[in-house]
């Protein structure tokens, strides 16, 4: 549970209206996650000139729900979208996007490969056997999609390496592509004005390439990065939306100790 509102405000950001779209801080909103289908939180940063969406969600259905929630709060549609990594639950909604989509070059390369996959029962089971996909994803996809023909994978429009800055008007977002414990193609969004770092799933274990375990070297490098960046709140892709910086670092240090 978040203890206090960013920037010293005394309103608890977890106590808000009963709706899918909720206000987190002065510039940041988010749509609730759904663990049943592995639908993650989708974040939205509102600037005075432009707005930025973080991740697309796992389907056209959930992307359209996100747009409806924005309209219900009289918020403008996103001007741009950024993908935090390639995993299906964060990217399959790109198919319905009505704005340019930004991702790391590595995310683009992976999605280019995934866009050529066939979405039939036989093809999906073959990818389970080959290790290209995992059982958890297979199960969640079947809960999200009653018809596999509705799956469409679309590549991002704009790619970058290293760092990128987006000025939304009265709020600036700094994007950085780097390795993470969860995936190699992670993109982090640092919003200094709100004292927030959005990391998506970056702090979780690597479910695809490391048998759902942490890699000590990658985890150590990630902890060094977190200590270096100036923020108070880390926003996640699943579970609860926000965690304090010191709580996240303490949790990951415990995981690191377990690897020794």
C-alpha atoms as a PDB file:
ATOM      1  CA  UNK A   1       0.000   0.000   0.000  1.00  0.00           C
ATOM      2  CA  UNK A   2       1.374   3.409  -0.942  1.00  0.00           C
ATOM      3  CA  UNK A   3       1.864   5.512   2.154  1.00  0.00           C
ATOM      4  CA  UNK A   4       1.810   9.030   0.798  1.00  0.00           C
ATOM      5  CA  UNK A   5       1.175  10.858  -2.426  1.00  0.00           C
ATOM      6  CA  UNK A   6       4.180  11.800  -4.594  1.00  0.00           C
ATOM      7  CA  UNK A   7       5.384  15.402  -4.354  1.00  0.00           C
ATOM      8  CA  UNK A   8       4.247  15.632  -0.725  1.00  0.00           C
ATOM      9  CA  UNK A   9       0.506  15.695  -1.383  1.00  0.00           C
ATOM     10  CA  UNK A  10      -1.562  14.121   1.382  1.00  0.00           C
ATOM     11  CA  UNK A  11      -3.962  12.186  -0.848  1.00  0.00           C
ATOM     12  CA  UNK A  12      -3.352   8.456  -1.036  1.00  0.00           C
ATOM     13  CA  UNK A  13      -3.166   7.562  -4.769  1.00  0.00           C
ATOM     14  CA  UNK A  14      -4.592   4.118  -4.083  1.00  0.00           C
ATOM     15  CA  UNK A  15      -7.830   5.631  -2.702  1.00  0.00           C
ATOM     16  CA  UNK A  16      -9.685   6.830  -5.768  1.00  0.00           C
ATOM     17  CA  UNK A  17     -12.864   6.465  -7.745  1.00  0.00           C
ATOM     18  CA  UNK A  18     -14.256   3.043  -8.546  1.00  0.00           C
ATOM     19  CA  UNK A  19     -13.177   2.856 -12.166  1.00  0.00           C
ATOM     20  CA  UNK A  20     -10.650   1.031 -14.310  1.00  0.00           C
ATOM     21  CA  UNK A  21      -8.724   4.261 -14.910  1.00  0.00           C
ATOM     22  CA  UNK A  22      -7.223   5.777 -11.778  1.00  0.00           C
ATOM     23  CA  UNK A  23      -5.137   8.846 -11.015  1.00  0.00           C
ATOM     24  CA  UNK A  24      -1.708   8.090  -9.570  1.00  0.00           C
ATOM     25  CA  UNK A  25       0.002  11.472  -9.412  1.00  0.00           C
ATOM     26  CA  UNK A  26      -0.202  14.938 -10.907  1.00  0.00           C
ATOM     27  CA  UNK A  27       0.514  13.710 -14.444  1.00  0.00           C
ATOM     28  CA  UNK A  28       0.165   9.914 -14.243  1.00  0.00           C
ATOM     29  CA  UNK A  29      -2.923   7.719 -14.614  1.00  0.00           C
ATOM     30  CA  UNK A  30      -3.225   3.959 -14.926  1.00  0.00           C
ATOM     31  CA  UNK A  31      -5.777   1.346 -15.971  1.00  0.00           C
ATOM     32  CA  UNK A  32      -6.171  -1.635 -13.645  1.00  0.00           C
ATOM     33  CA  UNK A  33      -4.498  -4.954 -14.369  1.00  0.00           C
ATOM     34  CA  UNK A  34      -6.299  -8.299 -14.650  1.00  0.00           C
ATOM     35  CA  UNK A  35      -4.231 -11.227 -13.307  1.00  0.00           C
ATOM     36  CA  UNK A  36      -6.678 -13.764 -14.769  1.00  0.00           C
ATOM     37  CA  UNK A  37      -5.558 -12.953 -18.311  1.00  0.00           C
ATOM     38  CA  UNK A  38      -2.166 -11.424 -17.386  1.00  0.00           C
ATOM     39  CA  UNK A  39      -3.379  -8.013 -18.570  1.00  0.00           C
ATOM     40  CA  UNK A  40      -0.882  -5.518 -17.060  1.00  0.00           C
ATOM     41  CA  UNK A  41      -1.387  -1.993 -15.802  1.00  0.00           C
ATOM     42  CA  UNK A  42      -1.410   0.489 -18.665  1.00  0.00           C
ATOM     43  CA  UNK A  43       0.032   3.867 -17.733  1.00  0.00           C
ATOM     44  CA  UNK A  44      -0.779   7.267 -19.177  1.00  0.00           C
ATOM     45  CA  UNK A  45       1.228  10.483 -18.715  1.00  0.00           C
ATOM     46  CA  UNK A  46      -0.653  13.692 -19.432  1.00  0.00           C
ATOM     47  CA  UNK A  47       1.296  16.764 -20.457  1.00  0.00           C
ATOM     48  CA  UNK A  48       0.084  20.225 -21.373  1.00  0.00           C
ATOM     49  CA  UNK A  49       0.780  19.597 -25.084  1.00  0.00           C
ATOM     50  CA  UNK A  50       1.012  15.839 -25.565  1.00  0.00           C
ATOM     51  CA  UNK A  51       0.202  12.603 -23.746  1.00  0.00           C
ATOM     52  CA  UNK A  52       2.166   9.364 -23.544  1.00  0.00           C
ATOM     53  CA  UNK A  53       0.831   5.827 -23.121  1.00  0.00           C
ATOM     54  CA  UNK A  54       3.036   3.158 -21.531  1.00  0.00           C
ATOM     55  CA  UNK A  55       2.388  -0.318 -23.022  1.00  0.00           C
ATOM     56  CA  UNK A  56      -0.519  -1.486 -25.168  1.00  0.00           C
ATOM     57  CA  UNK A  57      -2.026  -4.286 -23.103  1.00  0.00           C
ATOM     58  CA  UNK A  58      -2.642  -7.847 -24.232  1.00  0.00           C
ATOM     59  CA  UNK A  59      -5.422  -7.377 -26.798  1.00  0.00           C
ATOM     60  CA  UNK A  60      -7.455  -5.045 -28.951  1.00  0.00           C
ATOM     61  CA  UNK A  61     -10.278  -5.513 -26.454  1.00  0.00           C
ATOM     62  CA  UNK A  62      -8.262  -4.143 -23.539  1.00  0.00           C
ATOM     63  CA  UNK A  63      -6.733  -1.381 -25.626  1.00  0.00           C
ATOM     64  CA  UNK A  64     -10.192  -0.163 -26.602  1.00  0.00           C
ATOM     65  CA  UNK A  65     -11.255  -0.362 -22.961  1.00  0.00           C
ATOM     66  CA  UNK A  66      -8.292   1.871 -22.118  1.00  0.00           C
ATOM     67  CA  UNK A  67      -9.430   4.470 -24.681  1.00  0.00           C
ATOM     68  CA  UNK A  68     -12.969   4.369 -23.296  1.00  0.00           C
ATOM     69  CA  UNK A  69     -11.655   5.000 -19.808  1.00  0.00           C
ATOM     70  CA  UNK A  70      -9.689   8.002 -21.037  1.00  0.00           C
ATOM     71  CA  UNK A  71     -12.801   9.432 -22.659  1.00  0.00           C
ATOM     72  CA  UNK A  72     -14.807   8.882 -19.485  1.00  0.00           C
ATOM     73  CA  UNK A  73     -12.324  11.105 -17.629  1.00  0.00           C
ATOM     74  CA  UNK A  74     -12.212  13.598 -20.527  1.00  0.00           C
ATOM     75  CA  UNK A  75      -8.534  12.868 -21.098  1.00  0.00           C
ATOM     76  CA  UNK A  76      -7.120  13.190 -24.635  1.00  0.00           C
ATOM     77  CA  UNK A  77      -6.141  10.103 -26.585  1.00  0.00           C
ATOM     78  CA  UNK A  78      -2.409   9.289 -26.397  1.00  0.00           C
ATOM     79  CA  UNK A  79      -0.119  11.198 -28.739  1.00  0.00           C
ATOM     80  CA  UNK A  80       2.540   8.484 -28.486  1.00  0.00           C
ATOM     81  CA  UNK A  81       3.023   5.055 -26.943  1.00  0.00           C
ATOM     82  CA  UNK A  82       6.144   3.445 -25.467  1.00  0.00           C
ATOM     83  CA  UNK A  83       6.595  -0.307 -25.009  1.00  0.00           C
ATOM     84  CA  UNK A  84       8.505  -1.460 -21.927  1.00  0.00           C
ATOM     85  CA  UNK A  85       9.377  -4.867 -23.473  1.00  0.00           C
ATOM     86  CA  UNK A  86       8.215  -7.385 -26.039  1.00  0.00           C
ATOM     87  CA  UNK A  87       6.053  -9.803 -24.009  1.00  0.00           C
ATOM     88  CA  UNK A  88       2.579 -10.466 -25.404  1.00  0.00           C
ATOM     89  CA  UNK A  89       0.654  -8.997 -22.474  1.00  0.00           C
ATOM     90  CA  UNK A  90       2.314  -5.616 -23.052  1.00  0.00           C
ATOM     91  CA  UNK A  91       2.329  -5.553 -26.860  1.00  0.00           C
ATOM     92  CA  UNK A  92      -0.548  -7.437 -28.496  1.00  0.00           C
ATOM     93  CA  UNK A  93      -2.786  -4.389 -28.085  1.00  0.00           C
ATOM     94  CA  UNK A  94      -0.525  -2.445 -30.467  1.00  0.00           C
ATOM     95  CA  UNK A  95      -2.715  -3.794 -33.257  1.00  0.00           C
ATOM     96  CA  UNK A  96      -5.448  -1.349 -32.168  1.00  0.00           C
ATOM     97  CA  UNK A  97      -3.186   1.644 -31.504  1.00  0.00           C
ATOM     98  CA  UNK A  98      -4.159   4.970 -33.042  1.00  0.00           C
ATOM     99  CA  UNK A  99      -0.827   6.681 -32.344  1.00  0.00           C
ATOM    100  CA  UNK A 100       2.849   6.081 -33.210  1.00  0.00           C
ATOM    101  CA  UNK A 101       4.476   3.365 -31.082  1.00  0.00           C
ATOM    102  CA  UNK A 102       8.044   3.649 -29.750  1.00  0.00           C
ATOM    103  CA  UNK A 103      10.218   0.733 -28.640  1.00  0.00           C
ATOM    104  CA  UNK A 104      13.844  -0.275 -28.352  1.00  0.00           C
ATOM    105  CA  UNK A 105      15.472  -1.734 -31.451  1.00  0.00           C
ATOM    106  CA  UNK A 106      15.718  -5.038 -29.610  1.00  0.00           C
ATOM    107  CA  UNK A 107      11.975  -5.066 -28.925  1.00  0.00           C
ATOM    108  CA  UNK A 108      11.343  -4.336 -32.609  1.00  0.00           C
ATOM    109  CA  UNK A 109      13.530  -7.267 -33.684  1.00  0.00           C
ATOM    110  CA  UNK A 110      11.761  -9.703 -31.366  1.00  0.00           C
ATOM    111  CA  UNK A 111       8.279  -8.528 -32.372  1.00  0.00           C
ATOM    112  CA  UNK A 112       9.281  -8.811 -36.021  1.00  0.00           C
ATOM    113  CA  UNK A 113       9.936 -12.486 -35.373  1.00  0.00           C
ATOM    114  CA  UNK A 114       6.760 -12.970 -33.322  1.00  0.00           C
ATOM    115  CA  UNK A 115       4.667 -11.261 -36.022  1.00  0.00           C
ATOM    116  CA  UNK A 116       5.476 -14.178 -38.322  1.00  0.00           C
ATOM    117  CA  UNK A 117       4.177 -16.791 -35.869  1.00  0.00           C
ATOM    118  CA  UNK A 118       1.021 -18.740 -36.650  1.00  0.00           C
ATOM    119  CA  UNK A 119      -1.773 -18.564 -34.079  1.00  0.00           C
ATOM    120  CA  UNK A 120      -3.263 -22.013 -34.239  1.00  0.00           C
ATOM    121  CA  UNK A 121      -3.480 -24.606 -31.475  1.00  0.00           C
ATOM    122  CA  UNK A 122      -0.893 -26.796 -33.188  1.00  0.00           C
ATOM    123  CA  UNK A 123       1.531 -23.912 -33.734  1.00  0.00           C
ATOM    124  CA  UNK A 124       1.217 -22.716 -30.144  1.00  0.00           C
ATOM    125  CA  UNK A 125       1.822 -26.233 -28.762  1.00  0.00           C
ATOM    126  CA  UNK A 126       4.842 -26.601 -31.036  1.00  0.00           C
ATOM    127  CA  UNK A 127       6.324 -23.407 -29.574  1.00  0.00           C
ATOM    128  CA  UNK A 128       5.807 -24.808 -26.087  1.00  0.00           C
ATOM    129  CA  UNK A 129       7.771 -27.904 -27.060  1.00  0.00           C
ATOM    130  CA  UNK A 130      10.557 -25.864 -28.670  1.00  0.00           C
ATOM    131  CA  UNK A 131      10.827 -23.486 -25.725  1.00  0.00           C
ATOM    132  CA  UNK A 132       9.925 -20.435 -27.782  1.00  0.00           C
ATOM    133  CA  UNK A 133       6.918 -19.884 -25.551  1.00  0.00           C
ATOM    134  CA  UNK A 134       5.931 -20.859 -22.005  1.00  0.00           C
ATOM    135  CA  UNK A 135       2.956 -22.590 -20.438  1.00  0.00           C
ATOM    136  CA  UNK A 136       1.842 -19.568 -18.420  1.00  0.00           C
ATOM    137  CA  UNK A 137       1.560 -17.458 -21.578  1.00  0.00           C
ATOM    138  CA  UNK A 138      -0.268 -20.260 -23.412  1.00  0.00           C
ATOM    139  CA  UNK A 139      -2.833 -20.534 -20.614  1.00  0.00           C
ATOM    140  CA  UNK A 140      -3.410 -16.778 -20.280  1.00  0.00           C
ATOM    141  CA  UNK A 141      -3.760 -16.297 -24.034  1.00  0.00           C
ATOM    142  CA  UNK A 142      -6.522 -18.895 -24.112  1.00  0.00           C
ATOM    143  CA  UNK A 143      -8.345 -17.093 -21.332  1.00  0.00           C
ATOM    144  CA  UNK A 144      -8.013 -13.744 -23.118  1.00  0.00           C
ATOM    145  CA  UNK A 145      -8.776 -14.970 -26.655  1.00  0.00           C
ATOM    146  CA  UNK A 146     -11.813 -17.150 -27.282  1.00  0.00           C
ATOM    147  CA  UNK A 147     -10.770 -17.165 -30.939  1.00  0.00           C
ATOM    148  CA  UNK A 148      -7.031 -17.393 -31.691  1.00  0.00           C
ATOM    149  CA  UNK A 149      -7.694 -15.755 -35.073  1.00  0.00           C
ATOM    150  CA  UNK A 150      -8.170 -12.481 -33.183  1.00  0.00           C
ATOM    151  CA  UNK A 151      -4.451 -12.388 -32.336  1.00  0.00           C
ATOM    152  CA  UNK A 152      -2.537  -9.881 -34.455  1.00  0.00           C
ATOM    153  CA  UNK A 153       1.049  -8.872 -33.703  1.00  0.00           C
ATOM    154  CA  UNK A 154       2.177  -5.482 -34.942  1.00  0.00           C
ATOM    155  CA  UNK A 155       5.676  -4.036 -34.855  1.00  0.00           C
ATOM    156  CA  UNK A 156       6.448  -0.591 -33.365  1.00  0.00           C
ATOM    157  CA  UNK A 157       6.779   2.442 -35.612  1.00  0.00           C
ATOM    158  CA  UNK A 158       9.802   4.137 -34.034  1.00  0.00           C
ATOM    159  CA  UNK A 159      12.889   2.547 -32.489  1.00  0.00           C
ATOM    160  CA  UNK A 160      15.793   3.860 -30.448  1.00  0.00           C
ATOM    161  CA  UNK A 161      18.910   2.683 -28.652  1.00  0.00           C
ATOM    162  CA  UNK A 162      20.354   4.051 -25.454  1.00  0.00           C
ATOM    163  CA  UNK A 163      18.334   7.045 -24.286  1.00  0.00           C
ATOM    164  CA  UNK A 164      15.507   9.196 -25.606  1.00  0.00           C
ATOM    165  CA  UNK A 165      13.704  12.214 -24.142  1.00  0.00           C
ATOM    166  CA  UNK A 166      10.063  13.138 -24.776  1.00  0.00           C
ATOM    167  CA  UNK A 167       8.807  16.577 -23.723  1.00  0.00           C
ATOM    168  CA  UNK A 168       5.033  16.472 -23.216  1.00  0.00           C
ATOM    169  CA  UNK A 169       4.829  20.170 -22.401  1.00  0.00           C
ATOM    170  CA  UNK A 170       4.962  20.639 -18.649  1.00  0.00           C
ATOM    171  CA  UNK A 171       6.402  17.191 -17.957  1.00  0.00           C
ATOM    172  CA  UNK A 172       9.451  15.467 -19.439  1.00  0.00           C
ATOM    173  CA  UNK A 173       9.897  11.698 -19.788  1.00  0.00           C
ATOM    174  CA  UNK A 174      13.367  10.157 -20.105  1.00  0.00           C
ATOM    175  CA  UNK A 175      13.439   6.752 -21.800  1.00  0.00           C
ATOM    176  CA  UNK A 176      16.333   4.342 -21.370  1.00  0.00           C
ATOM    177  CA  UNK A 177      16.845   0.950 -22.986  1.00  0.00           C
ATOM    178  CA  UNK A 178      18.899  -1.456 -20.886  1.00  0.00           C
ATOM    179  CA  UNK A 179      19.130  -5.041 -19.709  1.00  0.00           C
ATOM    180  CA  UNK A 180      16.946  -6.109 -16.782  1.00  0.00           C
ATOM    181  CA  UNK A 181      16.366  -9.226 -14.672  1.00  0.00           C
ATOM    182  CA  UNK A 182      13.163  -9.927 -16.638  1.00  0.00           C
ATOM    183  CA  UNK A 183      14.123  -9.238 -20.263  1.00  0.00           C
ATOM    184  CA  UNK A 184      17.085  -7.978 -22.257  1.00  0.00           C
ATOM    185  CA  UNK A 185      15.024  -5.401 -24.133  1.00  0.00           C
ATOM    186  CA  UNK A 186      13.627  -3.442 -21.179  1.00  0.00           C
ATOM    187  CA  UNK A 187      12.759   0.247 -21.535  1.00  0.00           C
ATOM    188  CA  UNK A 188      12.471   2.435 -18.430  1.00  0.00           C
ATOM    189  CA  UNK A 189      10.528   5.692 -18.303  1.00  0.00           C
ATOM    190  CA  UNK A 190      11.813   8.206 -15.758  1.00  0.00           C
ATOM    191  CA  UNK A 191       9.490  11.095 -14.914  1.00  0.00           C
ATOM    192  CA  UNK A 192      11.485  13.409 -12.619  1.00  0.00           C
ATOM    193  CA  UNK A 193       8.678  15.891 -12.014  1.00  0.00           C
ATOM    194  CA  UNK A 194       6.508  13.164 -10.437  1.00  0.00           C
ATOM    195  CA  UNK A 195       9.487  11.386  -8.824  1.00  0.00           C
ATOM    196  CA  UNK A 196       8.509   8.197 -10.691  1.00  0.00           C
ATOM    197  CA  UNK A 197      10.317   5.450 -12.595  1.00  0.00           C
ATOM    198  CA  UNK A 198       8.109   3.157 -14.699  1.00  0.00           C
ATOM    199  CA  UNK A 199       9.766  -0.216 -15.176  1.00  0.00           C
ATOM    200  CA  UNK A 200       6.945  -2.509 -16.224  1.00  0.00           C
ATOM    201  CA  UNK A 201       8.031  -6.086 -15.489  1.00  0.00           C
ATOM    202  CA  UNK A 202      11.772  -5.369 -15.334  1.00  0.00           C
ATOM    203  CA  UNK A 203      12.175  -6.359 -11.683  1.00  0.00           C
ATOM    204  CA  UNK A 204      10.624  -9.823 -12.090  1.00  0.00           C
ATOM    205  CA  UNK A 205      12.478 -13.054 -12.818  1.00  0.00           C
ATOM    206  CA  UNK A 206      13.313 -14.114 -16.390  1.00  0.00           C
ATOM    207  CA  UNK A 207      10.552 -16.563 -17.318  1.00  0.00           C
ATOM    208  CA  UNK A 208      11.716 -17.222 -20.876  1.00  0.00           C
ATOM    209  CA  UNK A 209      15.504 -17.411 -20.868  1.00  0.00           C
ATOM    210  CA  UNK A 210      16.449 -18.295 -17.292  1.00  0.00           C
ATOM    211  CA  UNK A 211      13.884 -20.888 -16.104  1.00  0.00           C
ATOM    212  CA  UNK A 212      11.851 -18.310 -14.140  1.00  0.00           C
ATOM    213  CA  UNK A 213      14.913 -17.465 -12.033  1.00  0.00           C
ATOM    214  CA  UNK A 214      16.991 -14.377 -11.340  1.00  0.00           C
ATOM    215  CA  UNK A 215      20.453 -14.122 -12.850  1.00  0.00           C
ATOM    216  CA  UNK A 216      22.816 -12.757 -10.207  1.00  0.00           C
ATOM    217  CA  UNK A 217      24.890 -10.626 -12.576  1.00  0.00           C
ATOM    218  CA  UNK A 218      21.854  -9.038 -14.222  1.00  0.00           C
ATOM    219  CA  UNK A 219      20.157  -8.478 -10.864  1.00  0.00           C
ATOM    220  CA  UNK A 220      23.296  -6.805  -9.474  1.00  0.00           C
ATOM    221  CA  UNK A 221      23.496  -4.474 -12.469  1.00  0.00           C
ATOM    222  CA  UNK A 222      19.793  -3.632 -12.093  1.00  0.00           C
ATOM    223  CA  UNK A 223      20.226  -2.770  -8.409  1.00  0.00           C
ATOM    224  CA  UNK A 224      23.104  -0.462  -9.319  1.00  0.00           C
ATOM    225  CA  UNK A 225      20.869   1.246 -11.870  1.00  0.00           C
ATOM    226  CA  UNK A 226      18.025   1.705  -9.372  1.00  0.00           C
ATOM    227  CA  UNK A 227      20.378   3.222  -6.825  1.00  0.00           C
ATOM    228  CA  UNK A 228      21.732   5.628  -9.430  1.00  0.00           C
ATOM    229  CA  UNK A 229      18.387   6.972 -10.710  1.00  0.00           C
ATOM    230  CA  UNK A 230      16.684   9.719  -8.682  1.00  0.00           C
ATOM    231  CA  UNK A 231      13.084   8.642  -8.018  1.00  0.00           C
ATOM    232  CA  UNK A 232      10.765   7.858  -5.099  1.00  0.00           C
ATOM    233  CA  UNK A 233       8.196   5.489  -6.688  1.00  0.00           C
ATOM    234  CA  UNK A 234       8.598   2.539  -9.033  1.00  0.00           C
ATOM    235  CA  UNK A 235       5.536   1.618 -11.111  1.00  0.00           C
ATOM    236  CA  UNK A 236       5.113  -2.050 -12.013  1.00  0.00           C
ATOM    237  CA  UNK A 237       3.335  -4.036 -14.683  1.00  0.00           C
ATOM    238  CA  UNK A 238       1.480  -6.393 -12.350  1.00  0.00           C
ATOM    239  CA  UNK A 239       0.458  -6.940  -8.718  1.00  0.00           C
ATOM    240  CA  UNK A 240       0.016  -3.470  -7.193  1.00  0.00           C
ATOM    241  CA  UNK A 241       0.977  -0.461  -9.334  1.00  0.00           C
ATOM    242  CA  UNK A 242       3.529   1.319  -7.132  1.00  0.00           C
ATOM    243  CA  UNK A 243       6.277   0.524  -4.659  1.00  0.00           C
ATOM    244  CA  UNK A 244       8.697   2.841  -2.904  1.00  0.00           C
ATOM    245  CA  UNK A 245      12.271   2.844  -4.221  1.00  0.00           C
ATOM    246  CA  UNK A 246      13.756   1.666  -0.936  1.00  0.00           C
ATOM    247  CA  UNK A 247      11.206  -1.154  -0.622  1.00  0.00           C
ATOM    248  CA  UNK A 248      11.955  -2.403  -4.123  1.00  0.00           C
ATOM    249  CA  UNK A 249      15.708  -2.318  -3.533  1.00  0.00           C
ATOM    250  CA  UNK A 250      15.302  -4.157  -0.217  1.00  0.00           C
ATOM    251  CA  UNK A 251      13.161  -6.842  -1.883  1.00  0.00           C
ATOM    252  CA  UNK A 252      15.647  -7.344  -4.725  1.00  0.00           C
ATOM    253  CA  UNK A 253      18.596  -7.442  -2.339  1.00  0.00           C
ATOM    254  CA  UNK A 254      16.862 -10.301  -0.525  1.00  0.00           C
ATOM    255  CA  UNK A 255      16.434 -12.120  -3.835  1.00  0.00           C
ATOM    256  CA  UNK A 256      20.118 -11.530  -4.569  1.00  0.00           C
ATOM    257  CA  UNK A 257      21.107 -13.023  -1.186  1.00  0.00           C
ATOM    258  CA  UNK A 258      19.122 -16.152  -2.039  1.00  0.00           C
ATOM    259  CA  UNK A 259      21.333 -16.649  -5.098  1.00  0.00           C
ATOM    260  CA  UNK A 260      24.536 -16.822  -3.062  1.00  0.00           C
END
